Amino acid sequence: MNNKKLLEKKDWEYYIFQQNDILELLVTVEKPNPGLDIIHQLNTSEKENYLKMGIQALEDRIKDMKENFSWYKVNSWR
């Protein structure tokens, strides 16, 4: 049973999910085709900063995920 709770989203940009004490950032990209979901579990520092400052605290991480997607867990849209 998947009990992930959606905390925040900007459609086709990013989604923040919470499952128990874990926060997960999902970023979508259209290229390479057919598109990817890039997934990162926030570390303690990222989680604390996100809870204090909101999505602005994760701007650098989102940029890195889009540029270096092969370093992260990836799900193809195919």
PDB file of N, CA and C in Angstrom:
ATOM      1  N   MET A   1       0.846  -1.184   0.000  1.00  0.00           N
ATOM      2  CA  MET A   1       0.000   0.000   0.000  1.00  0.00           C
ATOM      3  C   MET A   1       0.883   1.236   0.000  1.00  0.00           C
ATOM      4  N   ASN A   2       0.647   2.101  -0.945  1.00  0.00           N
ATOM      5  CA  ASN A   2       1.446   3.318  -1.084  1.00  0.00           C
ATOM      6  C   ASN A   2       0.756   4.439  -0.321  1.00  0.00           C
ATOM      7  N   ASN A   3       1.408   4.928   0.743  1.00  0.00           N
ATOM      8  CA  ASN A   3       0.796   5.977   1.548  1.00  0.00           C
ATOM      9  C   ASN A   3       1.575   7.283   1.433  1.00  0.00           C
ATOM     10  N   LYS A   4       2.046   7.576   0.221  1.00  0.00           N
ATOM     11  CA  LYS A   4       2.732   8.842  -0.024  1.00  0.00           C
ATOM     12  C   LYS A   4       1.712   9.964  -0.061  1.00  0.00           C
ATOM     13  N   LYS A   5       2.083  11.064   0.571  1.00  0.00           N
ATOM     14  CA  LYS A   5       1.214  12.237   0.601  1.00  0.00           C
ATOM     15  C   LYS A   5       1.864  13.330  -0.242  1.00  0.00           C
ATOM     16  N   LEU A   6       1.111  13.891  -1.176  1.00  0.00           N
ATOM     17  CA  LEU A   6       1.616  14.987  -1.998  1.00  0.00           C
ATOM     18  C   LEU A   6       1.585  16.267  -1.180  1.00  0.00           C
ATOM     19  N   LEU A   7       2.760  16.877  -0.956  1.00  0.00           N
ATOM     20  CA  LEU A   7       2.846  18.107  -0.177  1.00  0.00           C
ATOM     21  C   LEU A   7       2.762  19.356  -1.042  1.00  0.00           C
ATOM     22  N   GLU A   8       3.381  19.276  -2.224  1.00  0.00           N
ATOM     23  CA  GLU A   8       3.460  20.454  -3.081  1.00  0.00           C
ATOM     24  C   GLU A   8       3.733  19.996  -4.504  1.00  0.00           C
ATOM     25  N   LYS A   9       3.231  20.772  -5.462  1.00  0.00           N
ATOM     26  CA  LYS A   9       3.527  20.435  -6.856  1.00  0.00           C
ATOM     27  C   LYS A   9       3.426  21.676  -7.726  1.00  0.00           C
ATOM     28  N   LYS A  10       4.160  21.614  -8.797  1.00  0.00           N
ATOM     29  CA  LYS A  10       4.007  22.523  -9.918  1.00  0.00           C
ATOM     30  C   LYS A  10       3.997  21.595 -11.119  1.00  0.00           C
ATOM     31  N   ASP A  11       2.804  21.401 -11.691  1.00  0.00           N
ATOM     32  CA  ASP A  11       2.636  20.392 -12.734  1.00  0.00           C
ATOM     33  C   ASP A  11       3.712  20.480 -13.807  1.00  0.00           C
ATOM     34  N   TRP A  12       4.244  19.316 -14.152  1.00  0.00           N
ATOM     35  CA  TRP A  12       5.272  19.143 -15.174  1.00  0.00           C
ATOM     36  C   TRP A  12       6.600  19.804 -14.809  1.00  0.00           C
ATOM     37  N   GLU A  13       6.776  20.198 -13.545  1.00  0.00           N
ATOM     38  CA  GLU A  13       8.041  20.780 -13.065  1.00  0.00           C
ATOM     39  C   GLU A  13       8.592  19.932 -11.916  1.00  0.00           C
ATOM     40  N   TYR A  14       7.862  19.920 -10.794  1.00  0.00           N
ATOM     41  CA  TYR A  14       8.314  19.178  -9.624  1.00  0.00           C
ATOM     42  C   TYR A  14       7.122  18.764  -8.765  1.00  0.00           C
ATOM     43  N   TYR A  15       7.374  17.753  -7.934  1.00  0.00           N
ATOM     44  CA  TYR A  15       6.396  17.257  -6.965  1.00  0.00           C
ATOM     45  C   TYR A  15       7.173  16.915  -5.694  1.00  0.00           C
ATOM     46  N   ILE A  16       6.610  17.244  -4.538  1.00  0.00           N
ATOM     47  CA  ILE A  16       7.206  16.885  -3.250  1.00  0.00           C
ATOM     48  C   ILE A  16       6.240  15.922  -2.560  1.00  0.00           C
ATOM     49  N   PHE A  17       6.735  14.736  -2.223  1.00  0.00           N
ATOM     50  CA  PHE A  17       5.937  13.725  -1.544  1.00  0.00           C
ATOM     51  C   PHE A  17       6.509  13.464  -0.155  1.00  0.00           C
ATOM     52  N   GLN A  18       5.620  13.081   0.762  1.00  0.00           N
ATOM     53  CA  GLN A  18       6.049  12.666   2.095  1.00  0.00           C
ATOM     54  C   GLN A  18       5.515  11.278   2.360  1.00  0.00           C
ATOM     55  N   GLN A  19       6.406  10.421   2.857  1.00  0.00           N
ATOM     56  CA  GLN A  19       6.005   9.089   3.301  1.00  0.00           C
ATOM     57  C   GLN A  19       6.688   8.877   4.633  1.00  0.00           C
ATOM     58  N   ASN A  20       5.895   8.853   5.692  1.00  0.00           N
ATOM     59  CA  ASN A  20       6.412   8.822   7.058  1.00  0.00           C
ATOM     60  C   ASN A  20       7.297  10.051   7.265  1.00  0.00           C
ATOM     61  N   ASP A  21       8.560   9.875   7.631  1.00  0.00           N
ATOM     62  CA  ASP A  21       9.461  11.012   7.860  1.00  0.00           C
ATOM     63  C   ASP A  21      10.322  11.345   6.646  1.00  0.00           C
ATOM     64  N   ILE A  22      10.077  10.683   5.550  1.00  0.00           N
ATOM     65  CA  ILE A  22      10.908  10.849   4.352  1.00  0.00           C
ATOM     66  C   ILE A  22      10.223  11.798   3.371  1.00  0.00           C
ATOM     67  N   LEU A  23      10.990  12.774   2.875  1.00  0.00           N
ATOM     68  CA  LEU A  23      10.510  13.651   1.816  1.00  0.00           C
ATOM     69  C   LEU A  23      11.220  13.283   0.528  1.00  0.00           C
ATOM     70  N   GLU A  24      10.470  13.225  -0.551  1.00  0.00           N
ATOM     71  CA  GLU A  24      10.997  12.836  -1.846  1.00  0.00           C
ATOM     72  C   GLU A  24      10.652  13.921  -2.859  1.00  0.00           C
ATOM     73  N   LEU A  25      11.647  14.301  -3.640  1.00  0.00           N
ATOM     74  CA  LEU A  25      11.491  15.294  -4.698  1.00  0.00           C
ATOM     75  C   LEU A  25      11.464  14.561  -6.029  1.00  0.00           C
ATOM     76  N   LEU A  26      10.445  14.817  -6.830  1.00  0.00           N
ATOM     77  CA  LEU A  26      10.338  14.242  -8.160  1.00  0.00           C
ATOM     78  C   LEU A  26      10.331  15.402  -9.150  1.00  0.00           C
ATOM     79  N   VAL A  27      11.249  15.368 -10.102  1.00  0.00           N
ATOM     80  CA  VAL A  27      11.377  16.401 -11.130  1.00  0.00           C
ATOM     81  C   VAL A  27      11.124  15.738 -12.481  1.00  0.00           C
ATOM     82  N   THR A  28      10.334  16.390 -13.324  1.00  0.00           N
ATOM     83  CA  THR A  28      10.049  15.836 -14.644  1.00  0.00           C
ATOM     84  C   THR A  28      10.837  16.577 -15.715  1.00  0.00           C
ATOM     85  N   VAL A  29      11.315  15.823 -16.693  1.00  0.00           N
ATOM     86  CA  VAL A  29      11.986  16.405 -17.855  1.00  0.00           C
ATOM     87  C   VAL A  29      11.455  15.706 -19.108  1.00  0.00           C
ATOM     88  N   GLU A  30      11.357  16.464 -20.194  1.00  0.00           N
ATOM     89  CA  GLU A  30      10.840  15.905 -21.443  1.00  0.00           C
ATOM     90  C   GLU A  30      11.927  15.285 -22.303  1.00  0.00           C
ATOM     91  N   LYS A  31      13.164  15.697 -22.112  1.00  0.00           N
ATOM     92  CA  LYS A  31      14.266  15.154 -22.905  1.00  0.00           C
ATOM     93  C   LYS A  31      15.277  14.535 -21.973  1.00  0.00           C
ATOM     94  N   PRO A  32      15.804  13.395 -22.302  1.00  0.00           N
ATOM     95  CA  PRO A  32      15.658  12.674 -23.566  1.00  0.00           C
ATOM     96  C   PRO A  32      14.259  12.078 -23.706  1.00  0.00           C
ATOM     97  N   ASN A  33      13.835  11.957 -24.964  1.00  0.00           N
ATOM     98  CA  ASN A  33      12.514  11.404 -25.254  1.00  0.00           C
ATOM     99  C   ASN A  33      12.414   9.983 -24.744  1.00  0.00           C
ATOM    100  N   PRO A  34      11.314   9.546 -24.253  1.00  0.00           N
ATOM    101  CA  PRO A  34      10.004  10.179 -24.218  1.00  0.00           C
ATOM    102  C   PRO A  34       9.775  11.022 -22.961  1.00  0.00           C
ATOM    103  N   GLY A  35      10.757  11.172 -22.121  1.00  0.00           N
ATOM    104  CA  GLY A  35      10.636  11.945 -20.889  1.00  0.00           C
ATOM    105  C   GLY A  35      10.979  11.090 -19.680  1.00  0.00           C
ATOM    106  N   LEU A  36      11.306  11.776 -18.582  1.00  0.00           N
ATOM    107  CA  LEU A  36      11.752  11.075 -17.381  1.00  0.00           C
ATOM    108  C   LEU A  36      11.175  11.712 -16.124  1.00  0.00           C
ATOM    109  N   ASP A  37      10.986  10.889 -15.113  1.00  0.00           N
ATOM    110  CA  ASP A  37      10.780  11.346 -13.757  1.00  0.00           C
ATOM    111  C   ASP A  37      12.098  11.093 -13.031  1.00  0.00           C
ATOM    112  N   ILE A  38      12.646  12.134 -12.439  1.00  0.00           N
ATOM    113  CA  ILE A  38      13.908  12.033 -11.709  1.00  0.00           C
ATOM    114  C   ILE A  38      13.573  12.147 -10.232  1.00  0.00           C
ATOM    115  N   ILE A  39      14.072  11.221  -9.422  1.00  0.00           N
ATOM    116  CA  ILE A  39      13.643  11.110  -8.036  1.00  0.00           C
ATOM    117  C   ILE A  39      14.837  11.243  -7.090  1.00  0.00           C
ATOM    118  N   HIS A  40      14.644  12.044  -6.047  1.00  0.00           N
ATOM    119  CA  HIS A  40      15.684  12.250  -5.044  1.00  0.00           C
ATOM    120  C   HIS A  40      15.045  12.286  -3.661  1.00  0.00           C
ATOM    121  N   GLN A  41      15.585  11.482  -2.750  1.00  0.00           N
ATOM    122  CA  GLN A  41      15.151  11.523  -1.355  1.00  0.00           C
ATOM    123  C   GLN A  41      15.934  12.626  -0.652  1.00  0.00           C
ATOM    124  N   LEU A  42      15.234  13.582  -0.059  1.00  0.00           N
ATOM    125  CA  LEU A  42      15.906  14.708   0.575  1.00  0.00           C
ATOM    126  C   LEU A  42      16.711  14.250   1.787  1.00  0.00           C
ATOM    127  N   ASN A  43      17.929  14.800   1.905  1.00  0.00           N
ATOM    128  CA  ASN A  43      18.719  14.520   3.097  1.00  0.00           C
ATOM    129  C   ASN A  43      18.205  15.402   4.241  1.00  0.00           C
ATOM    130  N   THR A  44      18.743  15.226   5.422  1.00  0.00           N
ATOM    131  CA  THR A  44      18.261  15.951   6.601  1.00  0.00           C
ATOM    132  C   THR A  44      18.336  17.454   6.419  1.00  0.00           C
ATOM    133  N   SER A  45      19.442  17.947   5.910  1.00  0.00           N
ATOM    134  CA  SER A  45      19.624  19.387   5.703  1.00  0.00           C
ATOM    135  C   SER A  45      18.625  19.934   4.682  1.00  0.00           C
ATOM    136  N   GLU A  46      18.470  19.228   3.568  1.00  0.00           N
ATOM    137  CA  GLU A  46      17.521  19.658   2.540  1.00  0.00           C
ATOM    138  C   GLU A  46      16.094  19.670   3.087  1.00  0.00           C
ATOM    139  N   LYS A  47      15.762  18.656   3.853  1.00  0.00           N
ATOM    140  CA  LYS A  47      14.420  18.555   4.433  1.00  0.00           C
ATOM    141  C   LYS A  47      14.155  19.728   5.375  1.00  0.00           C
ATOM    142  N   GLU A  48      15.099  20.013   6.264  1.00  0.00           N
ATOM    143  CA  GLU A  48      14.937  21.114   7.211  1.00  0.00           C
ATOM    144  C   GLU A  48      14.802  22.449   6.483  1.00  0.00           C
ATOM    145  N   ASN A  49      15.653  22.667   5.477  1.00  0.00           N
ATOM    146  CA  ASN A  49      15.587  23.914   4.713  1.00  0.00           C
ATOM    147  C   ASN A  49      14.271  24.030   3.945  1.00  0.00           C
ATOM    148  N   TYR A  50      13.801  22.933   3.362  1.00  0.00           N
ATOM    149  CA  TYR A  50      12.534  22.956   2.641  1.00  0.00           C
ATOM    150  C   TYR A  50      11.384  23.298   3.589  1.00  0.00           C
ATOM    151  N   LEU A  51      11.372  22.703   4.771  1.00  0.00           N
ATOM    152  CA  LEU A  51      10.292  22.950   5.716  1.00  0.00           C
ATOM    153  C   LEU A  51      10.304  24.394   6.231  1.00  0.00           C
ATOM    154  N   LYS A  52      11.469  25.020   6.247  1.00  0.00           N
ATOM    155  CA  LYS A  52      11.579  26.417   6.692  1.00  0.00           C
ATOM    156  C   LYS A  52      11.304  27.407   5.560  1.00  0.00           C
ATOM    157  N   MET A  53      11.879  27.147   4.376  1.00  0.00           N
ATOM    158  CA  MET A  53      11.896  28.142   3.300  1.00  0.00           C
ATOM    159  C   MET A  53      11.017  27.778   2.104  1.00  0.00           C
ATOM    160  N   GLY A  54      10.551  26.568   2.026  1.00  0.00           N
ATOM    161  CA  GLY A  54       9.744  26.150   0.884  1.00  0.00           C
ATOM    162  C   GLY A  54      10.607  25.710  -0.288  1.00  0.00           C
ATOM    163  N   ILE A  55      10.003  25.683  -1.452  1.00  0.00           N
ATOM    164  CA  ILE A  55      10.640  25.136  -2.651  1.00  0.00           C
ATOM    165  C   ILE A  55      11.900  25.897  -3.047  1.00  0.00           C
ATOM    166  N   GLN A  56      12.011  27.169  -2.679  1.00  0.00           N
ATOM    167  CA  GLN A  56      13.207  27.953  -3.010  1.00  0.00           C
ATOM    168  C   GLN A  56      14.470  27.295  -2.456  1.00  0.00           C
ATOM    169  N   ALA A  57      14.334  26.582  -1.344  1.00  0.00           N
ATOM    170  CA  ALA A  57      15.477  25.907  -0.735  1.00  0.00           C
ATOM    171  C   ALA A  57      16.011  24.777  -1.611  1.00  0.00           C
ATOM    172  N   LEU A  58      15.213  24.326  -2.575  1.00  0.00           N
ATOM    173  CA  LEU A  58      15.606  23.186  -3.409  1.00  0.00           C
ATOM    174  C   LEU A  58      15.929  23.575  -4.844  1.00  0.00           C
ATOM    175  N   GLU A  59      16.008  24.855  -5.145  1.00  0.00           N
ATOM    176  CA  GLU A  59      16.253  25.288  -6.528  1.00  0.00           C
ATOM    177  C   GLU A  59      17.551  24.731  -7.099  1.00  0.00           C
ATOM    178  N   ASP A  60      18.627  24.749  -6.315  1.00  0.00           N
ATOM    179  CA  ASP A  60      19.906  24.208  -6.805  1.00  0.00           C
ATOM    180  C   ASP A  60      19.812  22.708  -7.037  1.00  0.00           C
ATOM    181  N   ARG A  61      19.126  21.997  -6.153  1.00  0.00           N
ATOM    182  CA  ARG A  61      18.974  20.543  -6.304  1.00  0.00           C
ATOM    183  C   ARG A  61      18.158  20.244  -7.566  1.00  0.00           C
ATOM    184  N   ILE A  62      17.084  20.980  -7.801  1.00  0.00           N
ATOM    185  CA  ILE A  62      16.251  20.761  -8.991  1.00  0.00           C
ATOM    186  C   ILE A  62      17.072  20.991 -10.255  1.00  0.00           C
ATOM    187  N   LYS A  63      17.851  22.051 -10.270  1.00  0.00           N
ATOM    188  CA  LYS A  63      18.707  22.334 -11.433  1.00  0.00           C
ATOM    189  C   LYS A  63      19.693  21.189 -11.660  1.00  0.00           C
ATOM    190  N   ASP A  64      20.318  20.713 -10.579  1.00  0.00           N
ATOM    191  CA  ASP A  64      21.274  19.609 -10.697  1.00  0.00           C
ATOM    192  C   ASP A  64      20.586  18.338 -11.193  1.00  0.00           C
ATOM    193  N   MET A  65      19.394  18.077 -10.721  1.00  0.00           N
ATOM    194  CA  MET A  65      18.673  16.878 -11.153  1.00  0.00           C
ATOM    195  C   MET A  65      18.393  16.916 -12.651  1.00  0.00           C
ATOM    196  N   LYS A  66      18.052  18.087 -13.158  1.00  0.00           N
ATOM    197  CA  LYS A  66      17.769  18.211 -14.590  1.00  0.00           C
ATOM    198  C   LYS A  66      19.038  18.076 -15.426  1.00  0.00           C
ATOM    199  N   GLU A  67      20.151  18.613 -14.935  1.00  0.00           N
ATOM    200  CA  GLU A  67      21.404  18.582 -15.695  1.00  0.00           C
ATOM    201  C   GLU A  67      22.129  17.248 -15.575  1.00  0.00           C
ATOM    202  N   ASN A  68      22.017  16.596 -14.435  1.00  0.00           N
ATOM    203  CA  ASN A  68      22.773  15.365 -14.160  1.00  0.00           C
ATOM    204  C   ASN A  68      21.843  14.210 -13.804  1.00  0.00           C
ATOM    205  N   PHE A  69      20.780  14.052 -14.577  1.00  0.00           N
ATOM    206  CA  PHE A  69      19.750  13.079 -14.236  1.00  0.00           C
ATOM    207  C   PHE A  69      20.276  11.658 -14.112  1.00  0.00           C
ATOM    208  N   SER A  70      21.368  11.346 -14.780  1.00  0.00           N
ATOM    209  CA  SER A  70      21.896   9.973 -14.718  1.00  0.00           C
ATOM    210  C   SER A  70      22.462   9.628 -13.343  1.00  0.00           C
ATOM    211  N   TRP A  71      22.645  10.621 -12.488  1.00  0.00           N
ATOM    212  CA  TRP A  71      23.149  10.383 -11.129  1.00  0.00           C
ATOM    213  C   TRP A  71      22.040  10.050 -10.141  1.00  0.00           C
ATOM    214  N   TYR A  72      20.804  10.104 -10.589  1.00  0.00           N
ATOM    215  CA  TYR A  72      19.649   9.935  -9.717  1.00  0.00           C
ATOM    216  C   TYR A  72      18.828   8.725 -10.139  1.00  0.00           C
ATOM    217  N   LYS A  73      17.889   8.355  -9.276  1.00  0.00           N
ATOM    218  CA  LYS A  73      16.910   7.329  -9.649  1.00  0.00           C
ATOM    219  C   LYS A  73      16.020   7.927 -10.720  1.00  0.00           C
ATOM    220  N   VAL A  74      15.797   7.178 -11.800  1.00  0.00           N
ATOM    221  CA  VAL A  74      15.056   7.699 -12.959  1.00  0.00           C
ATOM    222  C   VAL A  74      13.996   6.677 -13.379  1.00  0.00           C
ATOM    223  N   ASN A  75      12.800   7.185 -13.686  1.00  0.00           N
ATOM    224  CA  ASN A  75      11.739   6.375 -14.279  1.00  0.00           C
ATOM    225  C   ASN A  75      11.398   6.958 -15.635  1.00  0.00           C
ATOM    226  N   SER A  76      11.507   6.136 -16.667  1.00  0.00           N
ATOM    227  CA  SER A  76      11.148   6.572 -18.021  1.00  0.00           C
ATOM    228  C   SER A  76       9.638   6.604 -18.166  1.00  0.00           C
ATOM    229  N   TRP A  77       9.148   7.542 -18.960  1.00  0.00           N
ATOM    230  CA  TRP A  77       7.714   7.644 -19.221  1.00  0.00           C
ATOM    231  C   TRP A  77       7.242   6.556 -20.166  1.00  0.00           C
ATOM    232  N   ARG A  78       8.157   5.822 -20.725  1.00  0.00           N
ATOM    233  CA  ARG A  78       7.815   4.775 -21.681  1.00  0.00           C
ATOM    234  C   ARG A  78       7.218   3.584 -20.998  1.00  0.00           C
TER     235      ARG A  78
END
